[in-house]
């Protein structure tokens, strides 16, 4: 019988005198491992479409915005990533023909990312596939999905992640 490695790590933590930290270690390790497993599922859907999750998020956010356009600085803020990461994702999306960079008419210092028709088509197809292959069956029964989401929201809030 294969023992769960996180349960085994918990047992080892307790055995080595770290019982006060054992539950926290198991929780953190479980969340990190669950993230890895979910990202593997997401990547298996997006990779054949030439997308990463970061680029998908940029496309989806642009598609939700008014005019399918947004200043690059606002993208980074909403996605909670470093400006360099946004620039890299947008560079690749521009190369794929999914996004264009356009200087603002009002302020030439502001560069906006603008979703193209090809980008809109790509994000809609990717969303359909993600919904079908990942989001509709995330690995827990429906009633537990909302409960876990609520608990993770509380965790994020407790760690200082402001909404």
C-alpha atoms as a PDB file:
ATOM      1  CA  UNK A   1       0.000   0.000   0.000  1.00  0.00           C
ATOM      2  CA  UNK A   2       1.350   3.421  -1.004  1.00  0.00           C
ATOM      3  CA  UNK A   3       1.386   5.961   1.792  1.00  0.00           C
ATOM      4  CA  UNK A   4       0.506   9.565   1.023  1.00  0.00           C
ATOM      5  CA  UNK A   5       3.849  11.443   1.021  1.00  0.00           C
ATOM      6  CA  UNK A   6       2.365  14.479   2.784  1.00  0.00           C
ATOM      7  CA  UNK A   7       0.907  12.278   5.532  1.00  0.00           C
ATOM      8  CA  UNK A   8       4.312  10.658   5.857  1.00  0.00           C
ATOM      9  CA  UNK A   9       5.989  14.081   6.045  1.00  0.00           C
ATOM     10  CA  UNK A  10       3.490  15.038   8.763  1.00  0.00           C
ATOM     11  CA  UNK A  11       4.375  11.899  10.712  1.00  0.00           C
ATOM     12  CA  UNK A  12       8.078  12.706  10.351  1.00  0.00           C
ATOM     13  CA  UNK A  13       7.546  16.311  11.506  1.00  0.00           C
ATOM     14  CA  UNK A  14       5.855  15.056  14.667  1.00  0.00           C
ATOM     15  CA  UNK A  15       8.523  12.366  15.208  1.00  0.00           C
ATOM     16  CA  UNK A  16      11.285  14.971  14.926  1.00  0.00           C
ATOM     17  CA  UNK A  17       9.730  17.223  17.554  1.00  0.00           C
ATOM     18  CA  UNK A  18       8.014  19.731  15.281  1.00  0.00           C
ATOM     19  CA  UNK A  19       4.417  18.814  16.167  1.00  0.00           C
ATOM     20  CA  UNK A  20       3.439  22.479  16.525  1.00  0.00           C
ATOM     21  CA  UNK A  21       4.329  23.042  12.867  1.00  0.00           C
ATOM     22  CA  UNK A  22       3.256  19.673  11.443  1.00  0.00           C
ATOM     23  CA  UNK A  23      -0.334  20.600  10.561  1.00  0.00           C
ATOM     24  CA  UNK A  24       0.768  23.857   8.931  1.00  0.00           C
ATOM     25  CA  UNK A  25       3.504  22.106   6.961  1.00  0.00           C
ATOM     26  CA  UNK A  26       0.983  19.518   5.726  1.00  0.00           C
ATOM     27  CA  UNK A  27      -1.540  22.219   4.764  1.00  0.00           C
ATOM     28  CA  UNK A  28       1.015  24.357   2.906  1.00  0.00           C
ATOM     29  CA  UNK A  29       2.531  21.355   1.155  1.00  0.00           C
ATOM     30  CA  UNK A  30      -0.934  20.090   0.200  1.00  0.00           C
ATOM     31  CA  UNK A  31      -1.916  23.455  -1.296  1.00  0.00           C
ATOM     32  CA  UNK A  32       1.344  23.653  -3.265  1.00  0.00           C
ATOM     33  CA  UNK A  33       0.924  20.082  -4.557  1.00  0.00           C
ATOM     34  CA  UNK A  34      -2.724  20.708  -5.486  1.00  0.00           C
ATOM     35  CA  UNK A  35      -1.618  23.810  -7.390  1.00  0.00           C
ATOM     36  CA  UNK A  36       0.969  21.748  -9.286  1.00  0.00           C
ATOM     37  CA  UNK A  37      -1.625  19.129 -10.213  1.00  0.00           C
ATOM     38  CA  UNK A  38      -4.164  21.735 -11.347  1.00  0.00           C
ATOM     39  CA  UNK A  39      -1.546  23.581 -13.397  1.00  0.00           C
ATOM     40  CA  UNK A  40      -0.632  20.295 -15.112  1.00  0.00           C
ATOM     41  CA  UNK A  41      -4.288  19.879 -16.122  1.00  0.00           C
ATOM     42  CA  UNK A  42      -4.517  23.496 -17.289  1.00  0.00           C
ATOM     43  CA  UNK A  43      -1.261  23.209 -19.242  1.00  0.00           C
ATOM     44  CA  UNK A  44      -2.462  20.052 -20.980  1.00  0.00           C
ATOM     45  CA  UNK A  45      -5.449  22.029 -22.290  1.00  0.00           C
ATOM     46  CA  UNK A  46      -3.613  25.246 -23.179  1.00  0.00           C
ATOM     47  CA  UNK A  47      -0.281  23.943 -24.506  1.00  0.00           C
ATOM     48  CA  UNK A  48      -1.786  22.502 -27.731  1.00  0.00           C
ATOM     49  CA  UNK A  49      -3.327  25.956 -28.302  1.00  0.00           C
ATOM     50  CA  UNK A  50       0.057  27.669 -27.956  1.00  0.00           C
ATOM     51  CA  UNK A  51      -0.894  29.308 -24.674  1.00  0.00           C
ATOM     52  CA  UNK A  52       0.336  29.341 -21.107  1.00  0.00           C
ATOM     53  CA  UNK A  53      -1.982  30.110 -18.204  1.00  0.00           C
ATOM     54  CA  UNK A  54      -0.374  33.559 -17.848  1.00  0.00           C
ATOM     55  CA  UNK A  55      -1.068  34.405 -21.506  1.00  0.00           C
ATOM     56  CA  UNK A  56      -4.568  32.960 -21.239  1.00  0.00           C
ATOM     57  CA  UNK A  57      -5.256  35.195 -18.242  1.00  0.00           C
ATOM     58  CA  UNK A  58      -4.140  38.268 -20.215  1.00  0.00           C
ATOM     59  CA  UNK A  59      -6.422  37.344 -23.123  1.00  0.00           C
ATOM     60  CA  UNK A  60      -9.378  36.598 -20.841  1.00  0.00           C
ATOM     61  CA  UNK A  61      -8.934  39.837 -18.907  1.00  0.00           C
ATOM     62  CA  UNK A  62      -8.722  41.855 -22.127  1.00  0.00           C
ATOM     63  CA  UNK A  63     -11.842  40.154 -23.463  1.00  0.00           C
ATOM     64  CA  UNK A  64     -13.735  41.163 -20.306  1.00  0.00           C
ATOM     65  CA  UNK A  65     -12.601  44.792 -20.462  1.00  0.00           C
ATOM     66  CA  UNK A  66     -14.391  47.650 -22.164  1.00  0.00           C
ATOM     67  CA  UNK A  67     -13.121  47.915 -25.714  1.00  0.00           C
ATOM     68  CA  UNK A  68     -11.051  44.743 -25.293  1.00  0.00           C
ATOM     69  CA  UNK A  69      -8.133  46.988 -24.369  1.00  0.00           C
ATOM     70  CA  UNK A  70      -6.271  47.944 -21.242  1.00  0.00           C
ATOM     71  CA  UNK A  71      -3.120  49.837 -20.234  1.00  0.00           C
ATOM     72  CA  UNK A  72      -0.222  47.463 -19.650  1.00  0.00           C
ATOM     73  CA  UNK A  73       0.213  48.803 -16.101  1.00  0.00           C
ATOM     74  CA  UNK A  74      -3.426  48.031 -15.298  1.00  0.00           C
ATOM     75  CA  UNK A  75      -3.038  44.468 -16.625  1.00  0.00           C
ATOM     76  CA  UNK A  76      -0.159  43.854 -14.240  1.00  0.00           C
ATOM     77  CA  UNK A  77      -2.082  45.303 -11.330  1.00  0.00           C
ATOM     78  CA  UNK A  78      -5.192  43.204 -11.950  1.00  0.00           C
ATOM     79  CA  UNK A  79      -3.212  40.027 -12.563  1.00  0.00           C
ATOM     80  CA  UNK A  80      -1.008  40.764  -9.538  1.00  0.00           C
ATOM     81  CA  UNK A  81       2.209  40.139 -11.434  1.00  0.00           C
ATOM     82  CA  UNK A  82       5.404  42.100 -11.997  1.00  0.00           C
ATOM     83  CA  UNK A  83       5.389  44.463 -15.007  1.00  0.00           C
ATOM     84  CA  UNK A  84       8.159  42.374 -16.606  1.00  0.00           C
ATOM     85  CA  UNK A  85       5.870  39.333 -16.558  1.00  0.00           C
ATOM     86  CA  UNK A  86       3.078  41.269 -18.266  1.00  0.00           C
ATOM     87  CA  UNK A  87       5.495  42.584 -20.882  1.00  0.00           C
ATOM     88  CA  UNK A  88       6.764  39.068 -21.584  1.00  0.00           C
ATOM     89  CA  UNK A  89       3.242  37.619 -21.884  1.00  0.00           C
ATOM     90  CA  UNK A  90       2.081  40.464 -24.126  1.00  0.00           C
ATOM     91  CA  UNK A  91       5.231  40.159 -26.285  1.00  0.00           C
ATOM     92  CA  UNK A  92       4.374  36.532 -26.987  1.00  0.00           C
ATOM     93  CA  UNK A  93       0.699  37.320 -27.599  1.00  0.00           C
ATOM     94  CA  UNK A  94       1.706  40.060 -30.061  1.00  0.00           C
ATOM     95  CA  UNK A  95       3.964  37.546 -31.858  1.00  0.00           C
ATOM     96  CA  UNK A  96       0.989  35.152 -32.053  1.00  0.00           C
ATOM     97  CA  UNK A  97      -1.238  37.881 -33.490  1.00  0.00           C
ATOM     98  CA  UNK A  98      -3.590  37.766 -30.480  1.00  0.00           C
ATOM     99  CA  UNK A  99      -2.799  41.217 -29.075  1.00  0.00           C
ATOM    100  CA  UNK A 100      -1.607  44.553 -30.443  1.00  0.00           C
ATOM    101  CA  UNK A 101       0.190  47.321 -28.564  1.00  0.00           C
ATOM    102  CA  UNK A 102      -1.343  50.742 -29.129  1.00  0.00           C
ATOM    103  CA  UNK A 103      -0.271  54.078 -27.668  1.00  0.00           C
ATOM    104  CA  UNK A 104      -3.070  55.958 -25.950  1.00  0.00           C
ATOM    105  CA  UNK A 105      -4.427  58.940 -27.905  1.00  0.00           C
ATOM    106  CA  UNK A 106      -4.837  60.879 -24.641  1.00  0.00           C
ATOM    107  CA  UNK A 107      -1.376  60.160 -23.227  1.00  0.00           C
ATOM    108  CA  UNK A 108       1.323  58.872 -25.580  1.00  0.00           C
ATOM    109  CA  UNK A 109       3.280  57.499 -22.586  1.00  0.00           C
ATOM    110  CA  UNK A 110       0.518  54.950 -21.943  1.00  0.00           C
ATOM    111  CA  UNK A 111       0.707  51.733 -23.936  1.00  0.00           C
ATOM    112  CA  UNK A 112      -2.469  49.687 -24.144  1.00  0.00           C
ATOM    113  CA  UNK A 113      -2.756  45.997 -24.960  1.00  0.00           C
ATOM    114  CA  UNK A 114      -5.606  45.484 -27.420  1.00  0.00           C
ATOM    115  CA  UNK A 115      -7.216  42.127 -28.151  1.00  0.00           C
ATOM    116  CA  UNK A 116      -7.349  41.198 -31.840  1.00  0.00           C
ATOM    117  CA  UNK A 117     -10.088  39.158 -33.503  1.00  0.00           C
ATOM    118  CA  UNK A 118      -7.696  36.187 -33.587  1.00  0.00           C
ATOM    119  CA  UNK A 119      -7.048  36.666 -29.860  1.00  0.00           C
ATOM    120  CA  UNK A 120     -10.764  36.778 -29.115  1.00  0.00           C
ATOM    121  CA  UNK A 121     -11.278  33.546 -31.056  1.00  0.00           C
ATOM    122  CA  UNK A 122      -8.326  31.887 -29.295  1.00  0.00           C
ATOM    123  CA  UNK A 123      -9.475  32.861 -25.797  1.00  0.00           C
ATOM    124  CA  UNK A 124     -13.054  31.721 -26.434  1.00  0.00           C
ATOM    125  CA  UNK A 125     -11.885  28.316 -27.681  1.00  0.00           C
ATOM    126  CA  UNK A 126      -9.433  27.979 -24.787  1.00  0.00           C
ATOM    127  CA  UNK A 127     -12.150  28.924 -22.288  1.00  0.00           C
ATOM    128  CA  UNK A 128     -14.546  26.359 -23.726  1.00  0.00           C
ATOM    129  CA  UNK A 129     -11.859  23.674 -23.372  1.00  0.00           C
ATOM    130  CA  UNK A 130     -10.837  24.761 -19.861  1.00  0.00           C
ATOM    131  CA  UNK A 131     -14.458  24.817 -18.728  1.00  0.00           C
ATOM    132  CA  UNK A 132     -15.088  21.358 -20.137  1.00  0.00           C
ATOM    133  CA  UNK A 133     -11.807  19.683 -19.147  1.00  0.00           C
ATOM    134  CA  UNK A 134     -10.815  21.446 -15.897  1.00  0.00           C
ATOM    135  CA  UNK A 135     -13.254  23.891 -14.328  1.00  0.00           C
ATOM    136  CA  UNK A 136     -16.420  21.762 -14.547  1.00  0.00           C
ATOM    137  CA  UNK A 137     -14.621  18.818 -12.909  1.00  0.00           C
ATOM    138  CA  UNK A 138     -11.935  20.328 -10.662  1.00  0.00           C
ATOM    139  CA  UNK A 139     -11.435  17.182  -8.593  1.00  0.00           C
ATOM    140  CA  UNK A 140     -14.021  17.590  -5.833  1.00  0.00           C
ATOM    141  CA  UNK A 141     -17.790  17.150  -5.683  1.00  0.00           C
ATOM    142  CA  UNK A 142     -19.714  20.354  -6.414  1.00  0.00           C
ATOM    143  CA  UNK A 143     -20.721  21.135  -2.839  1.00  0.00           C
ATOM    144  CA  UNK A 144     -17.117  20.808  -1.677  1.00  0.00           C
ATOM    145  CA  UNK A 145     -15.815  23.108  -4.417  1.00  0.00           C
ATOM    146  CA  UNK A 146     -17.574  26.167  -2.968  1.00  0.00           C
ATOM    147  CA  UNK A 147     -16.516  25.216   0.578  1.00  0.00           C
ATOM    148  CA  UNK A 148     -12.860  24.886  -0.444  1.00  0.00           C
ATOM    149  CA  UNK A 149     -13.012  28.147  -2.392  1.00  0.00           C
ATOM    150  CA  UNK A 150     -14.387  29.909   0.693  1.00  0.00           C
ATOM    151  CA  UNK A 151     -11.626  28.445   2.859  1.00  0.00           C
ATOM    152  CA  UNK A 152      -8.938  29.419   0.344  1.00  0.00           C
ATOM    153  CA  UNK A 153     -10.397  32.932   0.179  1.00  0.00           C
ATOM    154  CA  UNK A 154     -10.095  33.145   3.954  1.00  0.00           C
ATOM    155  CA  UNK A 155      -6.526  31.821   3.747  1.00  0.00           C
ATOM    156  CA  UNK A 156      -5.577  34.369   1.085  1.00  0.00           C
ATOM    157  CA  UNK A 157      -7.128  37.126   3.150  1.00  0.00           C
ATOM    158  CA  UNK A 158      -5.271  35.969   6.245  1.00  0.00           C
ATOM    159  CA  UNK A 159      -2.037  36.093   4.280  1.00  0.00           C
ATOM    160  CA  UNK A 160      -2.720  39.703   3.255  1.00  0.00           C
ATOM    161  CA  UNK A 161      -4.162  39.169  -0.226  1.00  0.00           C
ATOM    162  CA  UNK A 162      -6.562  42.105  -0.489  1.00  0.00           C
ATOM    163  CA  UNK A 163      -9.534  41.884  -2.789  1.00  0.00           C
END
